[in-house]
Amino acid sequence: MVGNPAAYEPGLALSLSNLGLRLSAVGRREEALTAEQEAVKIRRRLTVSCPAAHEPDLATSLSNLGALLLEVGRWEEALAVAEDAVGLYRRLVVGNPAAYEPGLALSLSNLGLLLSEAGRWRKALTATDEGVEILRRRAGGNRAAYEPNLATSLSAWAWVRYAAQQDLSGALRATGEAVEIHRRLVAMAPALFLSPLCGVLSLQAELLIRLGHLEEATEILSWLAAHEAIVDSQS
């Protein structure tokens, strides 16, 4: 590494990024953040000398970093990183839409959530609209490949509208679609998809309460309570 950093830094950045994800998964958020920040630093430097080779990895690391900053409550920094990630993915999409549109869509959804935290509702609504539109279009040709990302973007779309108190009926329909997708995915891989299913069901219950459908909301909350121990064991 010391003698030839250019040869080994890509591998180091990958290892740091993977380490960050693993540390985050076990709740060691500050350590995860430090690892991902170092990965971003390396990848930014590599991108200067060879953008085509390293920009995709930088986009991935920026997305990861934004999520980690969000986890530790550093909203403004997370928002700035999310905006960088979206900008980078937009450039990548120009050259290869099929490869990078899914990443752009998820980055837009993450950006929408962060914009909503900042009270920038119009931009948040626009970002989540675009994220869902991209994934619906991609899923038209291969639904199974894009359904997990579509469910994630639908959940973000619904959350932003719930937070903004706009189109709650539309938000409820979006959670219904996301729940339907997640239930299919849970049947195939419970450990991966039960927690996201519970997250969108919780939002769905809140929307039902706001819209006056108390009986349906109670049924969902009872289901969530019954499955809480299982979700905790898989976290």
C-alpha atoms as a PDB file:
ATOM      1  CA  MET A   1       0.000   0.000   0.000  1.00  0.00           C
ATOM      2  CA  VAL A   2       2.765   2.445   0.939  1.00  0.00           C
ATOM      3  CA  GLY A   3       4.796   1.703  -2.153  1.00  0.00           C
ATOM      4  CA  ASN A   4       1.926   1.771  -4.654  1.00  0.00           C
ATOM      5  CA  PRO A   5      -1.224   3.332  -3.231  1.00  0.00           C
ATOM      6  CA  ALA A   6      -2.970   3.576  -6.614  1.00  0.00           C
ATOM      7  CA  ALA A   7      -2.945  -0.202  -6.950  1.00  0.00           C
ATOM      8  CA  TYR A   8      -4.486  -0.937  -3.547  1.00  0.00           C
ATOM      9  CA  GLU A   9      -6.651   2.053  -2.653  1.00  0.00           C
ATOM     10  CA  PRO A  10      -9.735   0.818  -4.581  1.00  0.00           C
ATOM     11  CA  GLY A  11      -9.650  -2.417  -2.588  1.00  0.00           C
ATOM     12  CA  LEU A  12      -9.121  -0.518   0.653  1.00  0.00           C
ATOM     13  CA  ALA A  13     -12.091   1.747  -0.095  1.00  0.00           C
ATOM     14  CA  LEU A  14     -14.287  -1.278  -0.826  1.00  0.00           C
ATOM     15  CA  SER A  15     -13.245  -2.951   2.425  1.00  0.00           C
ATOM     16  CA  LEU A  16     -13.921   0.221   4.406  1.00  0.00           C
ATOM     17  CA  SER A  17     -17.346   0.630   2.818  1.00  0.00           C
ATOM     18  CA  ASN A  18     -18.271  -2.992   3.554  1.00  0.00           C
ATOM     19  CA  LEU A  19     -16.983  -2.581   7.107  1.00  0.00           C
ATOM     20  CA  GLY A  20     -19.169   0.488   7.538  1.00  0.00           C
ATOM     21  CA  LEU A  21     -22.265  -1.456   6.498  1.00  0.00           C
ATOM     22  CA  ARG A  22     -21.463  -4.295   8.902  1.00  0.00           C
ATOM     23  CA  LEU A  23     -20.771  -1.948  11.814  1.00  0.00           C
ATOM     24  CA  SER A  24     -24.022  -0.137  11.145  1.00  0.00           C
ATOM     25  CA  ALA A  25     -25.920  -3.427  11.117  1.00  0.00           C
ATOM     26  CA  VAL A  26     -24.768  -4.175  14.696  1.00  0.00           C
ATOM     27  CA  GLY A  27     -25.466  -0.678  15.957  1.00  0.00           C
ATOM     28  CA  ARG A  28     -21.896   0.672  16.000  1.00  0.00           C
ATOM     29  CA  ARG A  29     -22.932   3.791  14.109  1.00  0.00           C
ATOM     30  CA  GLU A  30     -20.063   6.151  14.885  1.00  0.00           C
ATOM     31  CA  GLU A  31     -17.468   3.560  13.865  1.00  0.00           C
ATOM     32  CA  ALA A  32     -19.485   2.790  10.732  1.00  0.00           C
ATOM     33  CA  LEU A  33     -19.565   6.481   9.898  1.00  0.00           C
ATOM     34  CA  THR A  34     -15.798   6.817  10.294  1.00  0.00           C
ATOM     35  CA  ALA A  35     -15.189   3.861   7.970  1.00  0.00           C
ATOM     36  CA  GLU A  36     -17.520   5.165   5.266  1.00  0.00           C
ATOM     37  CA  GLN A  37     -16.100   8.677   5.492  1.00  0.00           C
ATOM     38  CA  GLU A  38     -12.648   7.256   4.827  1.00  0.00           C
ATOM     39  CA  ALA A  39     -14.012   5.238   1.879  1.00  0.00           C
ATOM     40  CA  VAL A  40     -15.555   8.394   0.401  1.00  0.00           C
ATOM     41  CA  LYS A  41     -12.310  10.308   0.884  1.00  0.00           C
ATOM     42  CA  ILE A  42     -10.341   7.649  -1.003  1.00  0.00           C
ATOM     43  CA  ARG A  43     -12.912   7.339  -3.769  1.00  0.00           C
ATOM     44  CA  ARG A  44     -13.106  11.103  -4.271  1.00  0.00           C
ATOM     45  CA  ARG A  45      -9.343  11.151  -4.735  1.00  0.00           C
ATOM     46  CA  LEU A  46      -9.439   8.215  -7.170  1.00  0.00           C
ATOM     47  CA  THR A  47     -12.248   9.835  -9.150  1.00  0.00           C
ATOM     48  CA  VAL A  48     -10.129  12.910  -9.829  1.00  0.00           C
ATOM     49  CA  SER A  49      -7.592  10.838 -11.741  1.00  0.00           C
ATOM     50  CA  CYS A  50      -9.996   8.398 -13.407  1.00  0.00           C
ATOM     51  CA  PRO A  51     -13.687   9.376 -13.207  1.00  0.00           C
ATOM     52  CA  ALA A  52     -15.013   6.637 -15.463  1.00  0.00           C
ATOM     53  CA  ALA A  53     -13.507   3.894 -13.326  1.00  0.00           C
ATOM     54  CA  HIS A  54     -14.351   5.234  -9.872  1.00  0.00           C
ATOM     55  CA  GLU A  55     -17.458   7.440 -10.043  1.00  0.00           C
ATOM     56  CA  PRO A  56     -19.886   4.494  -9.710  1.00  0.00           C
ATOM     57  CA  ASP A  57     -18.198   3.377  -6.491  1.00  0.00           C
ATOM     58  CA  LEU A  58     -18.154   6.953  -5.208  1.00  0.00           C
ATOM     59  CA  ALA A  59     -21.890   7.243  -5.861  1.00  0.00           C
ATOM     60  CA  THR A  60     -22.482   4.083  -3.817  1.00  0.00           C
ATOM     61  CA  SER A  61     -20.333   5.337  -0.954  1.00  0.00           C
ATOM     62  CA  LEU A  62     -22.051   8.723  -0.944  1.00  0.00           C
ATOM     63  CA  SER A  63     -25.421   7.009  -0.657  1.00  0.00           C
ATOM     64  CA  ASN A  64     -24.141   4.876   2.227  1.00  0.00           C
ATOM     65  CA  LEU A  65     -22.596   7.903   3.930  1.00  0.00           C
ATOM     66  CA  GLY A  66     -25.817   9.880   3.692  1.00  0.00           C
ATOM     67  CA  ALA A  67     -27.733   7.054   5.364  1.00  0.00           C
ATOM     68  CA  LEU A  68     -25.133   6.797   8.162  1.00  0.00           C
ATOM     69  CA  LEU A  69     -25.166  10.544   8.790  1.00  0.00           C
ATOM     70  CA  LEU A  70     -28.945  10.307   9.020  1.00  0.00           C
ATOM     71  CA  GLU A  71     -28.650   7.520  11.594  1.00  0.00           C
ATOM     72  CA  VAL A  72     -26.537   9.688  13.897  1.00  0.00           C
ATOM     73  CA  GLY A  73     -28.795  12.715  13.504  1.00  0.00           C
ATOM     74  CA  ARG A  74     -26.512  14.876  11.370  1.00  0.00           C
ATOM     75  CA  TRP A  75     -29.349  15.993   9.075  1.00  0.00           C
ATOM     76  CA  GLU A  76     -27.710  18.903   7.299  1.00  0.00           C
ATOM     77  CA  GLU A  77     -24.584  16.927   6.412  1.00  0.00           C
ATOM     78  CA  ALA A  78     -26.712  13.986   5.308  1.00  0.00           C
ATOM     79  CA  LEU A  79     -28.716  16.274   3.038  1.00  0.00           C
ATOM     80  CA  ALA A  80     -25.591  17.716   1.417  1.00  0.00           C
ATOM     81  CA  VAL A  81     -24.199  14.219   0.789  1.00  0.00           C
ATOM     82  CA  ALA A  82     -27.530  13.008  -0.603  1.00  0.00           C
ATOM     83  CA  GLU A  83     -27.570  15.924  -3.047  1.00  0.00           C
ATOM     84  CA  ASP A  84     -24.025  15.013  -4.144  1.00  0.00           C
ATOM     85  CA  ALA A  85     -25.091  11.393  -4.672  1.00  0.00           C
ATOM     86  CA  VAL A  86     -28.080  12.389  -6.817  1.00  0.00           C
ATOM     87  CA  GLY A  87     -25.933  14.740  -8.897  1.00  0.00           C
ATOM     88  CA  LEU A  88     -23.351  12.022  -9.495  1.00  0.00           C
ATOM     89  CA  TYR A  89     -25.952   9.410 -10.397  1.00  0.00           C
ATOM     90  CA  ARG A  90     -27.520  11.831 -12.882  1.00  0.00           C
ATOM     91  CA  ARG A  91     -24.183  12.087 -14.686  1.00  0.00           C
ATOM     92  CA  LEU A  92     -23.760   8.320 -14.683  1.00  0.00           C
ATOM     93  CA  VAL A  93     -27.279   7.754 -16.027  1.00  0.00           C
ATOM     94  CA  VAL A  94     -26.468   9.800 -19.133  1.00  0.00           C
ATOM     95  CA  GLY A  95     -23.902   7.201 -20.180  1.00  0.00           C
ATOM     96  CA  ASN A  96     -25.688   4.052 -19.010  1.00  0.00           C
ATOM     97  CA  PRO A  97     -29.314   4.406 -17.908  1.00  0.00           C
ATOM     98  CA  ALA A  98     -29.929   0.698 -17.394  1.00  0.00           C
ATOM     99  CA  ALA A  99     -27.029   0.362 -14.968  1.00  0.00           C
ATOM    100  CA  TYR A 100     -27.506   3.516 -12.923  1.00  0.00           C
ATOM    101  CA  GLU A 101     -31.179   4.495 -12.965  1.00  0.00           C
ATOM    102  CA  PRO A 102     -31.995   2.189 -10.018  1.00  0.00           C
ATOM    103  CA  GLY A 103     -29.284   3.867  -7.946  1.00  0.00           C
ATOM    104  CA  LEU A 104     -30.549   7.288  -8.999  1.00  0.00           C
ATOM    105  CA  ALA A 105     -34.094   6.352  -7.996  1.00  0.00           C
ATOM    106  CA  LEU A 106     -33.091   5.224  -4.503  1.00  0.00           C
ATOM    107  CA  SER A 107     -30.878   8.297  -4.067  1.00  0.00           C
ATOM    108  CA  LEU A 108     -33.822  10.498  -5.025  1.00  0.00           C
ATOM    109  CA  SER A 109     -36.028   8.733  -2.489  1.00  0.00           C
ATOM    110  CA  ASN A 110     -33.423   9.208   0.244  1.00  0.00           C
ATOM    111  CA  LEU A 111     -33.048  12.846  -0.765  1.00  0.00           C
ATOM    112  CA  GLY A 112     -36.814  13.303  -0.569  1.00  0.00           C
ATOM    113  CA  LEU A 113     -36.880  11.989   3.006  1.00  0.00           C
ATOM    114  CA  LEU A 114     -34.077  14.358   4.021  1.00  0.00           C
ATOM    115  CA  LEU A 115     -35.699  17.328   2.299  1.00  0.00           C
ATOM    116  CA  SER A 116     -38.891  16.579   4.190  1.00  0.00           C
ATOM    117  CA  GLU A 117     -36.953  16.613   7.478  1.00  0.00           C
ATOM    118  CA  ALA A 118     -35.764  20.091   6.514  1.00  0.00           C
ATOM    119  CA  GLY A 119     -39.319  21.190   5.734  1.00  0.00           C
ATOM    120  CA  ARG A 120     -38.570  21.641   2.035  1.00  0.00           C
ATOM    121  CA  TRP A 121     -41.794  19.971   1.035  1.00  0.00           C
ATOM    122  CA  ARG A 122     -42.043  20.894  -2.639  1.00  0.00           C
ATOM    123  CA  LYS A 123     -38.583  19.562  -3.455  1.00  0.00           C
ATOM    124  CA  ALA A 124     -39.182  16.494  -1.291  1.00  0.00           C
ATOM    125  CA  LEU A 125     -42.389  15.679  -3.156  1.00  0.00           C
ATOM    126  CA  THR A 126     -40.690  16.178  -6.526  1.00  0.00           C
ATOM    127  CA  ALA A 127     -37.713  13.981  -5.633  1.00  0.00           C
ATOM    128  CA  THR A 128     -39.863  11.074  -4.444  1.00  0.00           C
ATOM    129  CA  ASP A 129     -42.134  11.427  -7.494  1.00  0.00           C
ATOM    130  CA  GLU A 130     -39.135  11.031  -9.778  1.00  0.00           C
ATOM    131  CA  GLY A 131     -37.759   8.078  -7.813  1.00  0.00           C
ATOM    132  CA  VAL A 132     -41.015   6.133  -8.073  1.00  0.00           C
ATOM    133  CA  GLU A 133     -41.475   7.051 -11.747  1.00  0.00           C
ATOM    134  CA  ILE A 134     -38.034   5.697 -12.637  1.00  0.00           C
ATOM    135  CA  LEU A 135     -38.590   2.399 -10.844  1.00  0.00           C
ATOM    136  CA  ARG A 136     -42.083   1.896 -12.261  1.00  0.00           C
ATOM    137  CA  ARG A 137     -40.639   2.344 -15.730  1.00  0.00           C
ATOM    138  CA  ARG A 138     -37.766  -0.060 -15.055  1.00  0.00           C
ATOM    139  CA  ALA A 139     -40.102  -2.593 -13.432  1.00  0.00           C
ATOM    140  CA  GLY A 140     -42.296  -2.583 -16.528  1.00  0.00           C
ATOM    141  CA  GLY A 141     -39.735  -4.756 -18.293  1.00  0.00           C
ATOM    142  CA  ASN A 142     -38.577  -6.871 -15.344  1.00  0.00           C
ATOM    143  CA  ARG A 143     -40.803  -6.437 -12.302  1.00  0.00           C
ATOM    144  CA  ALA A 144     -39.132  -9.082 -10.136  1.00  0.00           C
ATOM    145  CA  ALA A 145     -35.722  -7.421 -10.454  1.00  0.00           C
ATOM    146  CA  TYR A 146     -36.944  -3.984  -9.399  1.00  0.00           C
ATOM    147  CA  GLU A 147     -39.720  -4.727  -6.913  1.00  0.00           C
ATOM    148  CA  PRO A 148     -37.566  -4.426  -3.754  1.00  0.00           C
ATOM    149  CA  ASN A 149     -36.368  -0.959  -4.794  1.00  0.00           C
ATOM    150  CA  LEU A 150     -39.867   0.010  -5.926  1.00  0.00           C
ATOM    151  CA  ALA A 151     -41.283  -0.903  -2.521  1.00  0.00           C
ATOM    152  CA  THR A 152     -38.604   1.215  -0.831  1.00  0.00           C
ATOM    153  CA  SER A 153     -39.339   4.201  -3.064  1.00  0.00           C
ATOM    154  CA  LEU A 154     -43.101   3.829  -2.599  1.00  0.00           C
ATOM    155  CA  SER A 155     -42.593   3.870   1.163  1.00  0.00           C
ATOM    156  CA  ALA A 156     -40.530   7.066   0.908  1.00  0.00           C
ATOM    157  CA  TRP A 157     -43.162   8.595  -1.408  1.00  0.00           C
ATOM    158  CA  ALA A 158     -45.870   7.841   1.136  1.00  0.00           C
ATOM    159  CA  TRP A 159     -43.839   9.052   4.111  1.00  0.00           C
ATOM    160  CA  VAL A 160     -43.110  12.436   2.534  1.00  0.00           C
ATOM    161  CA  ARG A 161     -46.816  12.962   1.855  1.00  0.00           C
ATOM    162  CA  TYR A 162     -47.708  11.866   5.376  1.00  0.00           C
ATOM    163  CA  ALA A 163     -45.159  14.311   6.825  1.00  0.00           C
ATOM    164  CA  ALA A 164     -46.325  17.109   4.527  1.00  0.00           C
ATOM    165  CA  GLN A 165     -50.015  16.308   5.168  1.00  0.00           C
ATOM    166  CA  GLN A 166     -50.665  16.188   1.436  1.00  0.00           C
ATOM    167  CA  ASP A 167     -52.620  13.559  -0.513  1.00  0.00           C
ATOM    168  CA  LEU A 168     -52.997  11.153   2.422  1.00  0.00           C
ATOM    169  CA  SER A 169     -55.293   8.915   0.395  1.00  0.00           C
ATOM    170  CA  GLY A 170     -52.607   8.608  -2.272  1.00  0.00           C
ATOM    171  CA  ALA A 171     -50.030   7.882   0.429  1.00  0.00           C
ATOM    172  CA  LEU A 172     -52.260   5.118   1.798  1.00  0.00           C
ATOM    173  CA  ARG A 173     -52.558   3.551  -1.666  1.00  0.00           C
ATOM    174  CA  ALA A 174     -48.760   3.679  -2.038  1.00  0.00           C
ATOM    175  CA  THR A 175     -48.286   1.879   1.293  1.00  0.00           C
ATOM    176  CA  GLY A 176     -50.776  -0.740   0.142  1.00  0.00           C
ATOM    177  CA  GLU A 177     -48.687  -1.421  -2.946  1.00  0.00           C
ATOM    178  CA  ALA A 178     -45.461  -1.468  -0.932  1.00  0.00           C
ATOM    179  CA  VAL A 179     -46.982  -3.868   1.617  1.00  0.00           C
ATOM    180  CA  GLU A 180     -48.122  -6.190  -1.162  1.00  0.00           C
ATOM    181  CA  ILE A 181     -44.595  -6.287  -2.609  1.00  0.00           C
ATOM    182  CA  HIS A 182     -42.945  -6.763   0.776  1.00  0.00           C
ATOM    183  CA  ARG A 183     -45.279  -9.629   1.698  1.00  0.00           C
ATOM    184  CA  ARG A 184     -44.210 -11.484  -1.449  1.00  0.00           C
ATOM    185  CA  LEU A 185     -40.563 -10.779  -0.648  1.00  0.00           C
ATOM    186  CA  VAL A 186     -40.970 -11.900   2.983  1.00  0.00           C
ATOM    187  CA  ALA A 187     -42.275 -15.240   1.740  1.00  0.00           C
ATOM    188  CA  MET A 188     -38.961 -15.732  -0.093  1.00  0.00           C
ATOM    189  CA  ALA A 189     -36.524 -14.131   2.383  1.00  0.00           C
ATOM    190  CA  PRO A 190     -38.046 -13.298   5.798  1.00  0.00           C
ATOM    191  CA  ALA A 191     -34.763 -12.202   7.380  1.00  0.00           C
ATOM    192  CA  LEU A 192     -34.228  -9.553   4.705  1.00  0.00           C
ATOM    193  CA  PHE A 193     -37.719  -8.173   4.246  1.00  0.00           C
ATOM    194  CA  LEU A 194     -39.722  -8.588   7.461  1.00  0.00           C
ATOM    195  CA  SER A 195     -38.306  -5.419   9.015  1.00  0.00           C
ATOM    196  CA  PRO A 196     -39.072  -3.229   5.951  1.00  0.00           C
ATOM    197  CA  LEU A 197     -42.561  -4.747   5.837  1.00  0.00           C
ATOM    198  CA  CYS A 198     -43.133  -3.770   9.468  1.00  0.00           C
ATOM    199  CA  GLY A 199     -41.871  -0.257   8.756  1.00  0.00           C
ATOM    200  CA  VAL A 200     -44.323   0.378   5.947  1.00  0.00           C
ATOM    201  CA  LEU A 201     -47.167  -1.287   7.887  1.00  0.00           C
ATOM    202  CA  SER A 202     -46.517   1.124  10.749  1.00  0.00           C
ATOM    203  CA  LEU A 203     -46.811   4.048   8.344  1.00  0.00           C
ATOM    204  CA  GLN A 204     -49.938   2.516   6.846  1.00  0.00           C
ATOM    205  CA  ALA A 205     -51.516   2.304  10.307  1.00  0.00           C
ATOM    206  CA  GLU A 206     -50.730   5.972  10.968  1.00  0.00           C
ATOM    207  CA  LEU A 207     -52.336   6.955   7.673  1.00  0.00           C
ATOM    208  CA  LEU A 208     -55.423   4.873   8.417  1.00  0.00           C
ATOM    209  CA  ILE A 209     -55.759   6.616  11.783  1.00  0.00           C
ATOM    210  CA  ARG A 210     -55.442  10.042  10.161  1.00  0.00           C
ATOM    211  CA  LEU A 211     -58.108   9.087   7.624  1.00  0.00           C
ATOM    212  CA  GLY A 212     -60.463   7.732  10.282  1.00  0.00           C
ATOM    213  CA  HIS A 213     -60.159   4.001   9.501  1.00  0.00           C
ATOM    214  CA  LEU A 214     -59.547   2.988  13.113  1.00  0.00           C
ATOM    215  CA  GLU A 215     -60.598  -0.652  12.870  1.00  0.00           C
ATOM    216  CA  GLU A 216     -58.176  -1.382  10.021  1.00  0.00           C
ATOM    217  CA  ALA A 217     -55.399   0.497  11.818  1.00  0.00           C
ATOM    218  CA  THR A 218     -55.992  -1.548  14.984  1.00  0.00           C
ATOM    219  CA  GLU A 219     -55.696  -4.801  13.042  1.00  0.00           C
ATOM    220  CA  ILE A 220     -52.336  -3.736  11.617  1.00  0.00           C
ATOM    221  CA  LEU A 221     -51.031  -2.544  14.998  1.00  0.00           C
ATOM    222  CA  SER A 222     -52.044  -5.878  16.562  1.00  0.00           C
ATOM    223  CA  TRP A 223     -50.177  -7.740  13.827  1.00  0.00           C
ATOM    224  CA  LEU A 224     -47.103  -5.581  14.392  1.00  0.00           C
ATOM    225  CA  ALA A 225     -47.205  -6.196  18.146  1.00  0.00           C
ATOM    226  CA  ALA A 226     -47.435  -9.956  17.561  1.00  0.00           C
ATOM    227  CA  HIS A 227     -44.384  -9.900  15.283  1.00  0.00           C
ATOM    228  CA  GLU A 228     -42.258  -7.455  17.282  1.00  0.00           C
ATOM    229  CA  ALA A 229     -40.130 -10.152  18.953  1.00  0.00           C
ATOM    230  CA  ILE A 230     -39.380 -11.807  15.600  1.00  0.00           C
ATOM    231  CA  VAL A 231     -38.276  -8.508  14.059  1.00  0.00           C
ATOM    232  CA  ASP A 232     -36.064  -7.726  17.070  1.00  0.00           C
ATOM    233  CA  SER A 233     -34.393 -11.131  16.821  1.00  0.00           C
ATOM    234  CA  GLN A 234     -33.538 -10.497  13.167  1.00  0.00           C
ATOM    235  CA  SER A 235     -32.197  -6.951  13.701  1.00  0.00           C
END
